[in-house]
Amino acid sequence: MSDLVSRRQFFAGSAVVGAGVAGSSLLAACGTSVKHSSSGRKGASGKTLFIAGFQWGIPVNFNPLSPTAGWPSGEDSPQYIYESVVRFNQLTGKLEPGLSTGLQDDGTTGIIVPLQKNAHFQDGTAMTADDVVYTFELAKRHTELSYATFWDYAKSITKKDDHTVLITLDQDRLNPDMVRNYLSTTFILPKHIWTGIESSNKSPGDYTNMKPVGTGPYQLGKHDQTQVGMTRYDKYWGTSLYGGLPKPTAINHPIFKSNDDGDLAFQQGQIDVSQQFTPQVWKMWQQKKEPIATWYDHAPYHIPGGMPMLVFNTTKKGLDNPLVRRAIAFSINYEQIAKTAMSNYSVPANSSLILPTGSEATYFNKQNVTANGWKYDPTEAKRILEQDLHARKGSDGIYRLPNGTKLGGWTAQTPTGWTDWNAALQVVQTSTKAIGIDIRTNFPQSPQVTSAVQNGDFDLACWGVASVSPATPWQRFRDVLDDRGVAAVGKSAFYNYGRFHNTAVHSLLDQVAAAPESQRQALYDQLDKIFMQNAPMVPLMYRPKQFYEFNSSTWKGFPDDKAPNGGTPQFSGAGNAWLYKISSSSA
């Protein structure tokens, strides 16, 4: 069974870096255009929260089961219309209440999900255990759905009573963190609506769902080529959980032609909060004195959450040698990538598969990295090539192995318009050329790169693996090292795109998935050592799970590191909390 979850979460966070997308730059709220005012917007637009950075074309459906769902119905979207049973907080690494009051589990046999007793859908129908069971069993019947791999780790899901669900864990593939991950990312559907949809001849994922009904605090309003609008649902069940309704009476996501249009609207106060990649955002407050900020007021400005990778196709001649891959890893100027490609939104990447900050930091082993990893060191790269591999340069200045294999003529690709990833690969090209390895860049359209990477039809690529979640770093190690369930070259794979193989990985991954917290460090150390010694992929940068930038000209009280106010620098998961904390800047 294919695991599409991390793939779809990755695209939800990454596609926003594109600059050339269809749409309109008209910013509209309640049917009117909005202009900058130093004192903030007035009237209906002043009660509306404007968001950017998620939707880059006309929404074609609002089906949370569809890979093309419009914002905010798509996977890992803000929980404005649809909600999950728990919400992930990337700052703490903890799961917070949602449609459930919190999970109760022993980590070995099962998970009890006690549900909020007053939760109901936007049509007034009560949300009960029947809806939760139905939502997950739907993916058992329809294995094409992205969260169908929930059933790789769960044996059953049953209703104990109207407000309690029991999930029995699969003892053969014990992995409670992956089950918790699905509970935090899967939107709960109203059974009374979706049973009718399921009875049609189509896959539930193909339904357009243009009138979505969820349990969330907002309902879909006007949506066209210029915007996606929502209005507040004032009968929202969660007022007791959050102490009231969200402050904005409406939320509007304008659809821009380009990042530049979005940046301009954000700078002018037409956009209140943005998930868009904005180069050198600090200049907006340092030089232009705009009321703009990010989570940090200093580098790296954002919370690291993802780890875009240089993926090696380990079936390619030359790249099948771990010493060649390590030589490339030592040649790359990670500081330059952080400063240029990532606009100082990243510190130079380490060689570990574990994020050194945030909820994963407890597993990060600096001594392991020093002993087995790499850093920018062209001298060491050349030493590996000449002393360990006995490679020699040809007349073209490119190294060749003793068997005649040329270390070059390789192409590194990533989608055109993904500007930070494009720039990172250009640094890789320059860095490797300096030590005598020939790597060239190519930036095709996204669908072409997606197909090539999944089918193993590439040399090198900049691509994504699991971002921080309740299941990382385990899920990231799985994405990079585990070849079980990975299709052969020529067929689509959704993790381990480079087809790396090491049998020691299998047992270690299974052990750490089932291990208590006290035993995980040693197992992760072993997995990280295998990764660093073999270098099937190379972390190029740390990227936020979601960019988070806000303009306080109309709304104030957005959380930052100095005044978190119970919030987090995210939109999905626990990122809904700050909606209840912000207030009008004119108040």
Protein backbone atom coordinates (compact mmCIF):
# COMPACT_ATOMS: atom_id res chain seq x y z
CA MET A 1 0.00 0.00 0.00
CA SER A 2 1.42 3.39 -1.01
CA ASP A 3 1.94 6.06 1.63
CA LEU A 4 0.83 9.38 0.12
CA VAL A 5 0.46 11.39 3.32
CA SER A 6 3.93 12.89 3.55
CA ARG A 7 3.93 13.49 -0.20
CA ARG A 8 0.72 15.51 -0.10
CA GLN A 9 1.72 17.40 3.04
CA PHE A 10 4.99 18.26 1.33
CA PHE A 11 3.27 19.67 -1.74
CA ALA A 12 0.86 21.66 0.41
CA GLY A 13 3.81 23.46 1.97
CA SER A 14 6.15 23.63 -0.99
CA ALA A 15 4.10 24.63 -4.01
CA VAL A 16 3.64 28.13 -2.66
CA VAL A 17 7.16 29.15 -3.62
CA GLY A 18 6.13 29.30 -7.30
CA ALA A 19 6.08 32.77 -8.79
CA GLY A 20 4.29 32.26 -12.07
CA VAL A 21 0.74 31.10 -11.34
CA ALA A 22 -2.66 31.89 -12.73
CA GLY A 23 -5.10 34.11 -10.93
CA SER A 24 -5.89 37.74 -10.31
CA SER A 25 -4.08 40.33 -8.26
CA LEU A 26 -7.33 42.03 -7.31
CA LEU A 27 -7.71 41.98 -3.55
CA ALA A 28 -11.36 41.77 -2.73
CA ALA A 29 -13.29 41.50 0.49
CA CYS A 30 -17.05 41.52 0.61
CA GLY A 31 -16.91 42.51 -3.07
CA THR A 32 -14.76 45.63 -2.59
CA SER A 33 -11.12 46.37 -3.27
CA VAL A 34 -8.95 47.37 -0.33
CA LYS A 35 -6.20 49.97 -0.21
CA HIS A 36 -3.47 50.56 2.33
CA SER A 37 -4.20 52.64 5.38
CA SER A 38 -1.66 53.24 8.10
CA SER A 39 -4.49 53.08 10.64
CA GLY A 40 -5.87 49.83 9.23
CA ARG A 41 -8.92 48.89 7.20
CA LYS A 42 -12.40 50.01 8.21
CA GLY A 43 -15.90 48.62 7.82
CA ALA A 44 -16.50 45.02 6.75
CA SER A 45 -12.93 44.63 5.46
CA GLY A 46 -11.67 45.69 8.88
CA LYS A 47 -13.47 42.72 10.42
CA THR A 48 -12.07 40.35 7.80
CA LEU A 49 -8.77 38.51 8.14
CA PHE A 50 -6.88 38.42 4.83
CA ILE A 51 -4.56 35.45 4.31
CA ALA A 52 -2.14 34.69 1.47
CA GLY A 53 0.23 31.95 0.41
CA PHE A 54 -1.98 28.86 0.14
CA GLN A 55 -4.16 29.14 -2.98
CA TRP A 56 -2.59 29.93 -6.37
CA GLY A 57 -5.33 29.15 -8.83
CA ILE A 58 -9.10 28.84 -9.18
CA PRO A 59 -10.35 26.25 -6.68
CA VAL A 60 -11.85 23.29 -8.55
CA ASN A 61 -13.15 21.39 -5.52
CA PHE A 62 -13.30 21.55 -1.71
CA ASN A 63 -13.10 17.83 -1.08
CA PRO A 64 -10.67 17.06 1.78
CA LEU A 65 -10.11 13.63 0.22
CA SER A 66 -8.88 15.10 -3.07
CA PRO A 67 -5.22 15.86 -3.86
CA THR A 68 -6.43 19.00 -5.67
CA ALA A 69 -8.66 20.35 -2.91
CA GLY A 70 -8.97 24.12 -2.69
CA TRP A 71 -7.91 25.98 0.43
CA PRO A 72 -8.83 25.44 3.25
CA SER A 73 -10.14 21.92 2.60
CA GLY A 74 -6.87 20.33 1.48
CA GLU A 75 -4.72 18.15 3.65
CA ASP A 76 -2.70 20.03 6.29
CA SER A 77 -4.86 23.13 5.72
CA PRO A 78 -6.02 25.39 8.55
CA GLN A 79 -8.94 23.84 10.41
CA TYR A 80 -11.48 26.48 9.48
CA ILE A 81 -14.10 24.28 7.78
CA TYR A 82 -12.99 20.74 8.62
CA GLU A 83 -11.35 19.63 11.86
CA SER A 84 -9.36 16.69 13.19
CA VAL A 85 -9.75 14.95 16.54
CA VAL A 86 -6.47 16.42 17.87
CA ARG A 87 -4.20 19.25 16.70
CA PHE A 88 -0.39 19.15 16.47
CA ASN A 89 1.60 21.99 18.06
CA GLN A 90 4.95 22.21 16.31
CA LEU A 91 6.48 24.33 19.08
CA THR A 92 5.90 21.77 21.81
CA GLY A 93 5.56 18.61 19.75
CA LYS A 94 2.36 17.86 21.66
CA LEU A 95 -1.16 17.06 20.54
CA GLU A 96 -3.83 19.49 21.70
CA PRO A 97 -7.61 18.98 21.94
CA GLY A 98 -9.76 19.29 18.86
CA LEU A 99 -12.88 17.23 18.24
CA SER A 100 -11.43 15.04 20.98
CA THR A 101 -10.69 16.22 24.51
CA GLY A 102 -7.32 14.44 24.22
CA LEU A 103 -5.98 10.96 23.55
CA GLN A 104 -5.72 8.25 26.17
CA ASP A 105 -3.32 5.45 25.33
CA ASP A 106 -0.64 3.21 26.73
CA GLY A 107 1.39 3.24 23.53
CA THR A 108 1.23 -0.52 23.10
CA THR A 109 -2.29 -1.86 22.65
CA GLY A 110 -4.77 0.86 21.83
CA ILE A 111 -5.77 4.52 21.83
CA ILE A 112 -9.00 5.79 23.36
CA VAL A 113 -10.41 8.92 21.71
CA PRO A 114 -12.91 10.72 23.98
CA LEU A 115 -14.94 13.15 21.87
CA GLN A 116 -16.25 16.61 22.66
CA LYS A 117 -19.86 16.06 23.67
CA ASN A 118 -21.18 19.28 22.18
CA ALA A 119 -19.40 19.07 18.81
CA HIS A 120 -21.67 19.33 15.78
CA PHE A 121 -21.52 19.93 12.07
CA GLN A 122 -22.44 23.19 10.40
CA ASP A 123 -25.85 21.79 9.39
CA GLY A 124 -26.67 21.27 13.07
CA THR A 125 -26.13 17.48 13.10
CA ALA A 126 -24.24 16.17 16.12
CA MET A 127 -20.70 14.92 15.52
CA THR A 128 -20.38 11.51 17.20
CA ALA A 129 -18.23 8.42 17.29
CA ASP A 130 -20.09 7.17 14.21
CA ASP A 131 -18.57 10.00 12.13
CA VAL A 132 -15.03 9.31 13.36
CA VAL A 133 -15.31 5.57 12.73
CA TYR A 134 -16.86 6.19 9.31
CA THR A 135 -14.12 8.61 8.26
CA PHE A 136 -11.32 6.15 8.96
CA GLU A 137 -13.11 3.06 7.71
CA LEU A 138 -13.81 4.94 4.46
CA ALA A 139 -10.07 4.74 3.74
CA LYS A 140 -10.11 0.99 4.47
CA ARG A 141 -12.68 0.53 1.72
CA HIS A 142 -11.02 3.05 -0.61
CA THR A 143 -7.27 2.39 -0.49
CA GLU A 144 -6.64 5.11 -3.07
CA LEU A 145 -7.22 7.74 -0.37
CA SER A 146 -4.09 9.32 1.07
CA TYR A 147 -4.70 8.31 4.68
CA ALA A 148 -5.43 4.66 3.82
CA THR A 149 -2.06 3.76 5.34
CA PHE A 150 -3.64 4.43 8.73
CA TRP A 151 -4.60 0.77 8.36
CA ASP A 152 -0.95 -0.27 8.15
CA TYR A 153 -0.73 0.56 11.85
CA ALA A 154 -4.30 0.18 13.16
CA LYS A 155 -6.07 -3.16 13.49
CA SER A 156 -9.53 -1.74 14.15
CA ILE A 157 -11.49 1.38 15.05
CA THR A 158 -14.68 0.91 16.99
CA LYS A 159 -17.40 2.91 18.72
CA LYS A 160 -17.53 2.36 22.46
CA ASP A 161 -20.36 4.85 22.91
CA ASP A 162 -21.55 8.00 21.14
CA HIS A 163 -18.62 10.02 22.46
CA THR A 164 -15.81 7.45 22.70
CA VAL A 165 -13.78 5.71 20.01
CA LEU A 166 -11.28 2.89 20.51
CA ILE A 167 -8.40 2.31 18.09
CA THR A 168 -6.69 -1.05 18.47
CA LEU A 169 -3.07 -0.95 17.32
CA ASP A 170 -1.65 -3.53 14.94
CA GLN A 171 0.87 -5.51 17.00
CA ASP A 172 2.72 -6.73 13.91
CA ARG A 173 3.50 -3.12 12.89
CA LEU A 174 3.31 -1.37 16.22
CA ASN A 175 3.74 2.36 15.62
CA PRO A 176 1.53 4.51 17.86
CA ASP A 177 3.16 7.75 16.67
CA MET A 178 2.00 7.17 13.10
CA VAL A 179 -1.54 6.54 14.35
CA ARG A 180 -1.39 9.76 16.36
CA ASN A 181 -0.17 11.53 13.24
CA TYR A 182 -3.22 10.39 11.28
CA LEU A 183 -5.49 11.48 14.12
CA SER A 184 -3.99 14.97 13.92
CA THR A 185 -4.19 15.32 10.12
CA THR A 186 -7.37 13.51 9.04
CA PHE A 187 -10.44 15.73 8.75
CA ILE A 188 -13.60 14.17 10.19
CA LEU A 189 -16.43 13.87 7.67
CA PRO A 190 -20.18 13.91 8.37
CA LYS A 191 -21.31 10.33 7.84
CA HIS A 192 -24.87 11.35 6.99
CA ILE A 193 -23.59 13.26 3.95
CA TRP A 194 -20.70 11.10 2.79
CA THR A 195 -22.51 7.77 2.81
CA GLY A 196 -24.53 9.12 -0.11
CA ILE A 197 -21.39 10.34 -1.86
CA GLU A 198 -19.69 6.98 -1.31
CA SER A 199 -22.62 5.11 -2.82
CA SER A 200 -22.00 6.75 -6.20
CA ASN A 201 -19.82 5.04 -8.79
CA LYS A 202 -16.95 7.47 -8.31
CA SER A 203 -14.14 7.37 -5.81
CA PRO A 204 -14.97 9.63 -2.83
CA GLY A 205 -11.82 11.56 -3.72
CA ASP A 206 -13.33 12.60 -7.07
CA TYR A 207 -16.34 14.40 -5.59
CA THR A 208 -16.19 18.19 -6.07
CA ASN A 209 -17.86 19.02 -2.73
CA MET A 210 -18.55 22.64 -3.61
CA LYS A 211 -20.71 23.10 -0.50
CA PRO A 212 -18.49 21.62 2.21
CA VAL A 213 -20.00 20.87 5.61
CA GLY A 214 -17.58 20.44 8.48
CA THR A 215 -17.44 21.09 12.20
CA GLY A 216 -15.24 24.18 11.97
CA PRO A 217 -15.80 27.85 12.85
CA TYR A 218 -16.08 29.11 9.24
CA GLN A 219 -18.27 28.27 6.26
CA LEU A 220 -17.32 28.59 2.62
CA GLY A 221 -18.51 31.81 1.01
CA LYS A 222 -17.70 33.41 -2.34
CA HIS A 223 -14.97 31.71 -4.35
CA ASP A 224 -13.85 32.47 -7.88
CA GLN A 225 -10.71 33.32 -9.85
CA THR A 226 -9.91 36.21 -7.50
CA GLN A 227 -10.51 34.84 -4.02
CA VAL A 228 -11.69 32.19 -1.58
CA GLY A 229 -13.96 33.72 1.05
CA MET A 230 -15.40 32.34 4.27
CA THR A 231 -17.88 33.65 6.82
CA ARG A 232 -17.84 32.89 10.53
CA TYR A 233 -20.22 30.19 11.74
CA ASP A 234 -21.56 31.78 14.89
CA LYS A 235 -23.11 28.52 16.16
CA TYR A 236 -19.66 26.91 16.28
CA TRP A 237 -19.44 24.24 18.97
CA GLY A 238 -15.94 25.23 20.13
CA THR A 239 -16.76 28.41 22.04
CA SER A 240 -16.43 26.53 25.33
CA LEU A 241 -13.04 25.17 24.28
CA TYR A 242 -11.64 28.52 23.14
CA GLY A 243 -13.57 30.92 25.32
CA GLY A 244 -15.57 32.42 22.49
CA LEU A 245 -15.72 32.73 18.73
CA PRO A 246 -12.77 33.60 16.45
CA LYS A 247 -12.36 37.37 16.28
CA PRO A 248 -12.59 37.84 12.47
CA THR A 249 -16.16 37.62 11.18
CA ALA A 250 -14.79 36.58 7.79
CA ILE A 251 -11.59 35.18 6.28
CA ASN A 252 -10.54 35.93 2.72
CA HIS A 253 -7.73 34.44 0.66
CA PRO A 254 -7.03 36.54 -2.47
CA ILE A 255 -5.62 34.65 -5.46
CA PHE A 256 -2.55 36.45 -6.79
CA LYS A 257 -0.72 36.12 -10.07
CA SER A 258 2.67 35.93 -8.40
CA ASN A 259 4.60 36.11 -5.17
CA ASP A 260 5.47 39.71 -6.01
CA ASP A 261 1.80 40.68 -6.05
CA GLY A 262 1.27 38.95 -2.72
CA ASP A 263 4.33 40.62 -1.19
CA LEU A 264 3.12 44.07 -2.27
CA ALA A 265 -0.36 43.51 -0.85
CA PHE A 266 1.16 42.24 2.40
CA GLN A 267 3.46 45.23 2.70
CA GLN A 268 0.55 47.61 2.11
CA GLY A 269 -1.58 46.03 4.82
CA GLN A 270 -4.02 44.46 2.39
CA ILE A 271 -2.88 41.03 3.62
CA ASP A 272 -2.82 40.46 7.38
CA VAL A 273 -0.98 37.15 7.65
CA SER A 274 0.92 35.21 5.01
CA GLN A 275 2.40 31.77 4.41
CA GLN A 276 4.26 32.97 1.33
CA PHE A 277 8.01 32.75 0.78
CA THR A 278 9.00 36.42 0.97
CA PRO A 279 12.72 37.09 0.47
CA GLN A 280 14.34 39.39 3.05
CA VAL A 281 11.07 40.09 4.82
CA TRP A 282 12.97 41.88 7.61
CA LYS A 283 13.56 44.83 5.27
CA MET A 284 9.85 45.60 5.48
CA TRP A 285 10.21 46.57 9.13
CA GLN A 286 13.88 47.55 9.31
CA GLN A 287 14.00 49.81 6.26
CA LYS A 288 10.38 50.60 5.39
CA LYS A 289 9.12 50.74 8.98
CA GLU A 290 5.99 48.72 8.20
CA PRO A 291 4.09 47.07 11.12
CA ILE A 292 5.30 43.69 9.92
CA ALA A 293 6.91 40.84 11.84
CA THR A 294 7.71 37.13 11.85
CA TRP A 295 8.00 34.69 14.76
CA TYR A 296 11.57 35.85 15.44
CA ASP A 297 12.76 39.40 14.81
CA HIS A 298 16.18 37.99 13.90
CA ALA A 299 17.53 35.15 11.77
CA PRO A 300 16.25 32.57 11.03
CA TYR A 301 12.93 34.46 11.51
CA HIS A 302 10.88 31.24 11.20
CA ILE A 303 10.68 27.93 13.10
CA PRO A 304 12.42 25.09 11.20
CA GLY A 305 10.00 22.34 10.30
CA GLY A 306 11.13 20.71 7.06
CA MET A 307 14.33 19.45 5.49
CA PRO A 308 14.46 19.67 1.66
CA MET A 309 16.89 17.03 0.42
CA LEU A 310 19.40 16.53 -2.33
CA VAL A 311 18.22 13.08 -3.39
CA PHE A 312 20.70 10.74 -5.08
CA ASN A 313 19.45 8.05 -7.43
CA THR A 314 21.48 5.23 -5.89
CA THR A 315 20.82 3.00 -8.91
CA LYS A 316 22.88 5.30 -11.18
CA LYS A 317 26.47 4.40 -11.97
CA GLY A 318 28.82 6.49 -9.83
CA LEU A 319 26.02 7.68 -7.56
CA ASP A 320 25.63 4.09 -6.36
CA ASN A 321 28.91 4.55 -4.44
CA PRO A 322 28.43 5.96 -0.91
CA LEU A 323 31.91 7.52 -0.96
CA VAL A 324 31.02 9.52 -4.08
CA ARG A 325 27.85 10.69 -2.36
CA ARG A 326 29.80 11.67 0.78
CA ALA A 327 32.35 13.57 -1.34
CA ILE A 328 29.48 15.56 -2.85
CA ALA A 329 28.06 16.14 0.64
CA PHE A 330 31.39 17.57 1.85
CA SER A 331 31.64 19.84 -1.21
CA ILE A 332 28.36 21.73 -0.71
CA ASN A 333 28.44 25.22 0.76
CA TYR A 334 25.53 24.99 3.20
CA GLU A 335 26.08 28.46 4.61
CA GLN A 336 25.68 29.95 1.16
CA ILE A 337 22.42 28.04 0.67
CA ALA A 338 21.12 29.36 4.00
CA LYS A 339 22.04 32.96 3.16
CA THR A 340 21.02 33.09 -0.50
CA ALA A 341 18.54 30.36 -1.36
CA MET A 342 16.79 30.55 2.01
CA SER A 343 17.18 34.31 2.52
CA ASN A 344 18.63 33.69 6.01
CA TYR A 345 15.52 31.71 6.99
CA SER A 346 17.73 28.73 7.81
CA VAL A 347 20.93 28.04 9.66
CA PRO A 348 23.43 25.93 7.68
CA ALA A 349 22.04 22.40 7.54
CA ASN A 350 23.63 19.63 9.58
CA SER A 351 24.11 16.13 8.21
CA SER A 352 21.62 14.55 10.62
CA LEU A 353 18.11 13.52 9.63
CA ILE A 354 16.91 14.97 12.93
CA LEU A 355 16.03 18.65 13.25
CA PRO A 356 18.38 20.21 15.85
CA THR A 357 15.66 22.55 17.20
CA GLY A 358 12.06 22.20 18.29
CA SER A 359 10.32 19.02 19.32
CA GLU A 360 12.93 16.76 17.66
CA ALA A 361 15.94 18.38 19.34
CA THR A 362 15.92 15.86 22.18
CA TYR A 363 17.08 13.19 19.70
CA PHE A 364 19.72 15.30 17.94
CA ASN A 365 23.18 13.90 18.78
CA LYS A 366 25.91 16.41 17.97
CA GLN A 367 28.68 13.91 18.77
CA ASN A 368 27.19 11.45 16.28
CA VAL A 369 27.16 14.16 13.62
CA THR A 370 30.78 15.11 14.32
CA ALA A 371 31.95 11.50 14.18
CA ASN A 372 29.96 10.25 11.18
CA GLY A 373 28.53 13.21 9.29
CA TRP A 374 29.80 15.94 7.01
CA LYS A 375 30.06 19.70 6.68
CA TYR A 376 31.29 22.11 4.03
CA ASP A 377 34.89 20.97 3.56
CA PRO A 378 36.14 20.85 -0.06
CA THR A 379 39.54 19.59 1.11
CA GLU A 380 37.93 16.52 2.68
CA ALA A 381 35.83 16.02 -0.45
CA LYS A 382 38.99 15.89 -2.58
CA ARG A 383 40.69 13.59 -0.08
CA ILE A 384 37.81 11.10 -0.36
CA LEU A 385 37.97 11.26 -4.14
CA GLU A 386 41.73 10.86 -4.46
CA GLN A 387 42.71 8.73 -1.46
CA ASP A 388 39.64 6.61 -0.70
CA LEU A 389 38.28 6.25 -4.23
CA HIS A 390 41.60 6.63 -6.12
CA ALA A 391 39.81 8.86 -8.60
CA ARG A 392 41.80 10.98 -11.05
CA LYS A 393 40.85 14.05 -13.05
CA GLY A 394 40.51 13.80 -16.79
CA SER A 395 41.52 16.46 -19.29
CA ASP A 396 38.13 18.09 -18.75
CA GLY A 397 38.88 18.57 -15.05
CA ILE A 398 36.26 15.99 -13.98
CA TYR A 399 37.17 13.06 -11.75
CA ARG A 400 36.90 9.48 -12.96
CA LEU A 401 36.93 6.33 -10.89
CA PRO A 402 39.54 3.62 -11.58
CA ASN A 403 36.90 1.67 -13.55
CA GLY A 404 36.45 4.67 -15.87
CA THR A 405 33.15 5.92 -14.43
CA LYS A 406 32.96 9.68 -14.90
CA LEU A 407 31.76 11.61 -11.86
CA GLY A 408 29.54 13.91 -13.81
CA GLY A 409 27.30 14.50 -16.70
CA TRP A 410 24.58 14.31 -14.05
CA THR A 411 21.51 16.53 -13.86
CA ALA A 412 19.99 17.85 -10.65
CA GLN A 413 16.36 18.91 -11.00
CA THR A 414 13.53 20.52 -9.07
CA PRO A 415 10.41 22.36 -10.30
CA THR A 416 10.74 25.69 -12.04
CA GLY A 417 9.62 28.67 -9.96
CA TRP A 418 10.39 26.99 -6.62
CA THR A 419 12.89 29.76 -6.18
CA ASP A 420 14.60 28.72 -2.97
CA TRP A 421 15.07 25.15 -4.20
CA ASN A 422 16.25 26.36 -7.62
CA ALA A 423 18.86 28.55 -5.94
CA ALA A 424 19.97 25.70 -3.64
CA LEU A 425 20.68 23.44 -6.60
CA GLN A 426 22.65 26.21 -8.27
CA VAL A 427 24.86 26.31 -5.15
CA VAL A 428 25.25 22.52 -5.43
CA GLN A 429 26.28 22.90 -9.06
CA THR A 430 28.89 25.55 -8.26
CA SER A 431 30.19 23.69 -5.20
CA THR A 432 30.65 20.36 -6.93
CA LYS A 433 32.23 21.94 -10.01
CA ALA A 434 34.87 23.48 -7.76
CA ILE A 435 36.06 20.01 -6.66
CA GLY A 436 35.83 18.31 -10.06
CA ILE A 437 32.34 16.78 -10.18
CA ASP A 438 30.01 17.78 -13.01
CA ILE A 439 26.40 18.38 -11.92
CA ARG A 440 24.11 20.55 -14.00
CA THR A 441 20.72 21.97 -13.05
CA ASN A 442 17.38 21.61 -14.78
CA PHE A 443 14.06 23.12 -13.69
CA PRO A 444 11.10 21.53 -15.51
CA GLN A 445 7.44 21.98 -14.63
CA SER A 446 6.31 20.46 -11.34
CA PRO A 447 4.31 17.51 -12.78
CA GLN A 448 7.33 16.46 -14.86
CA VAL A 449 9.65 16.51 -11.85
CA THR A 450 7.11 14.70 -9.68
CA SER A 451 6.83 11.87 -12.20
CA ALA A 452 10.60 11.63 -12.69
CA VAL A 453 11.38 11.52 -8.97
CA GLN A 454 8.67 9.01 -8.12
CA ASN A 455 9.60 6.71 -11.01
CA GLY A 456 13.37 6.89 -10.39
CA ASP A 457 13.97 8.61 -13.72
CA PHE A 458 16.50 11.15 -12.46
CA ASP A 459 20.12 11.56 -11.39
CA LEU A 460 19.75 14.02 -8.51
CA ALA A 461 16.82 16.10 -7.30
CA CYS A 462 15.89 18.59 -4.62
CA TRP A 463 12.80 17.05 -3.05
CA GLY A 464 10.93 16.87 0.21
CA VAL A 465 10.54 14.30 2.96
CA ALA A 466 8.39 14.35 6.10
CA SER A 467 8.10 17.68 7.90
CA VAL A 468 7.85 17.83 11.68
CA SER A 469 4.84 15.92 12.98
CA PRO A 470 3.83 13.57 15.80
CA ALA A 471 5.57 10.82 13.80
CA THR A 472 8.95 12.48 13.20
CA PRO A 473 11.81 11.85 13.20
CA TRP A 474 10.67 8.23 12.61
CA GLN A 475 8.70 9.12 9.49
CA ARG A 476 11.66 11.02 8.02
CA PHE A 477 13.99 8.06 8.56
CA ARG A 478 11.38 5.87 6.89
CA ASP A 479 11.11 8.31 3.96
CA VAL A 480 14.86 8.31 3.39
CA LEU A 481 16.08 4.81 4.30
CA ASP A 482 13.30 2.21 4.17
CA ASP A 483 12.91 0.31 0.91
CA ARG A 484 10.05 -1.91 2.07
CA GLY A 485 6.99 -1.17 -0.01
CA VAL A 486 8.99 1.02 -2.42
CA ALA A 487 8.27 0.28 -6.07
CA ALA A 488 11.08 -0.63 -8.45
CA VAL A 489 12.50 1.95 -10.84
CA GLY A 490 9.92 2.68 -13.49
CA LYS A 491 6.99 2.57 -11.08
CA SER A 492 5.85 5.26 -8.68
CA ALA A 493 7.38 5.37 -5.20
CA PHE A 494 6.23 7.82 -2.54
CA TYR A 495 9.26 7.65 -0.24
CA ASN A 496 12.89 6.52 -0.60
CA TYR A 497 12.90 7.99 -4.10
CA GLY A 498 16.58 7.11 -4.56
CA ARG A 499 15.89 3.40 -3.92
CA PHE A 500 18.50 3.10 -1.17
CA HIS A 501 18.82 -0.36 0.37
CA ASN A 502 20.25 -1.43 3.73
CA THR A 503 18.73 -4.41 5.51
CA ALA A 504 19.85 -3.18 8.94
CA VAL A 505 17.38 -0.31 8.59
CA HIS A 506 14.31 -2.55 8.70
CA SER A 507 14.81 -3.93 12.19
CA LEU A 508 15.91 -0.58 13.64
CA LEU A 509 12.88 1.25 12.25
CA ASP A 510 10.52 -1.39 13.62
CA GLN A 511 12.22 -1.30 17.00
CA VAL A 512 12.15 2.48 17.42
CA ALA A 513 8.51 2.68 16.27
CA ALA A 514 7.46 0.40 19.12
CA ALA A 515 10.04 1.49 21.71
CA PRO A 516 9.27 3.48 24.85
CA GLU A 517 10.77 6.97 24.99
CA SER A 518 13.68 5.84 27.18
CA GLN A 519 14.97 3.47 24.49
CA ARG A 520 14.61 5.60 21.38
CA GLN A 521 17.80 7.67 21.55
CA ALA A 522 20.17 4.74 21.02
CA LEU A 523 18.08 3.44 18.12
CA TYR A 524 17.88 6.83 16.41
CA ASP A 525 21.64 7.19 16.83
CA GLN A 526 22.15 3.94 14.94
CA LEU A 527 19.76 4.96 12.16
CA ASP A 528 21.40 8.38 11.84
CA LYS A 529 24.83 6.75 11.66
CA ILE A 530 23.68 4.51 8.80
CA PHE A 531 22.27 7.55 7.05
CA MET A 532 25.41 9.63 7.41
CA GLN A 533 27.80 6.84 6.45
CA ASN A 534 25.81 6.09 3.29
CA ALA A 535 24.44 9.55 2.40
CA PRO A 536 21.52 8.45 0.18
CA MET A 537 20.23 12.02 0.55
CA VAL A 538 21.77 15.26 1.83
CA PRO A 539 19.83 17.88 3.84
CA LEU A 540 20.26 21.18 2.00
CA MET A 541 18.40 23.57 4.30
CA TYR A 542 15.85 23.83 7.07
CA ARG A 543 12.53 25.16 5.85
CA PRO A 544 9.56 26.20 7.98
CA LYS A 545 6.67 23.76 7.96
CA GLN A 546 4.74 26.88 7.09
CA PHE A 547 6.00 30.43 6.65
CA TYR A 548 4.42 32.84 9.12
CA GLU A 549 4.48 36.60 8.56
CA PHE A 550 1.98 39.14 9.83
CA ASN A 551 1.05 42.80 9.34
CA SER A 552 -0.52 44.43 12.42
CA SER A 553 -2.06 47.47 10.74
CA THR A 554 -5.60 46.04 10.99
CA TRP A 555 -5.26 43.14 13.45
CA LYS A 556 -2.94 42.97 16.45
CA GLY A 557 -1.99 40.24 18.91
CA PHE A 558 -0.45 37.79 16.48
CA PRO A 559 1.85 35.47 18.46
CA ASP A 560 5.63 35.74 18.26
CA ASP A 561 8.51 34.37 20.33
CA LYS A 562 8.40 37.34 22.73
CA ALA A 563 4.63 37.20 23.25
CA PRO A 564 3.35 33.76 22.22
CA ASN A 565 -0.06 34.47 23.75
CA GLY A 566 -0.88 30.76 23.59
CA GLY A 567 -0.23 30.65 19.85
CA THR A 568 2.21 29.03 17.45
CA PRO A 569 3.77 30.20 14.16
CA GLN A 570 1.60 27.95 12.03
CA PHE A 571 -1.79 27.79 10.35
CA SER A 572 -2.60 24.07 10.36
CA GLY A 573 -3.08 21.98 13.48
CA ALA A 574 -2.83 24.09 16.63
CA GLY A 575 -2.38 27.17 14.44
CA ASN A 576 -6.09 27.92 14.82
CA ALA A 577 -5.56 29.13 18.40
CA TRP A 578 -4.38 32.66 17.56
CA LEU A 579 -7.66 33.40 15.74
CA TYR A 580 -9.23 33.71 19.19
CA LYS A 581 -6.46 35.96 20.57
CA ILE A 582 -6.07 38.67 17.95
CA SER A 583 -8.03 41.92 18.16
CA SER A 584 -8.68 45.00 16.06
CA SER A 585 -5.70 47.34 15.93
CA SER A 586 -8.08 50.30 16.13
CA ALA A 587 -9.66 49.06 19.35
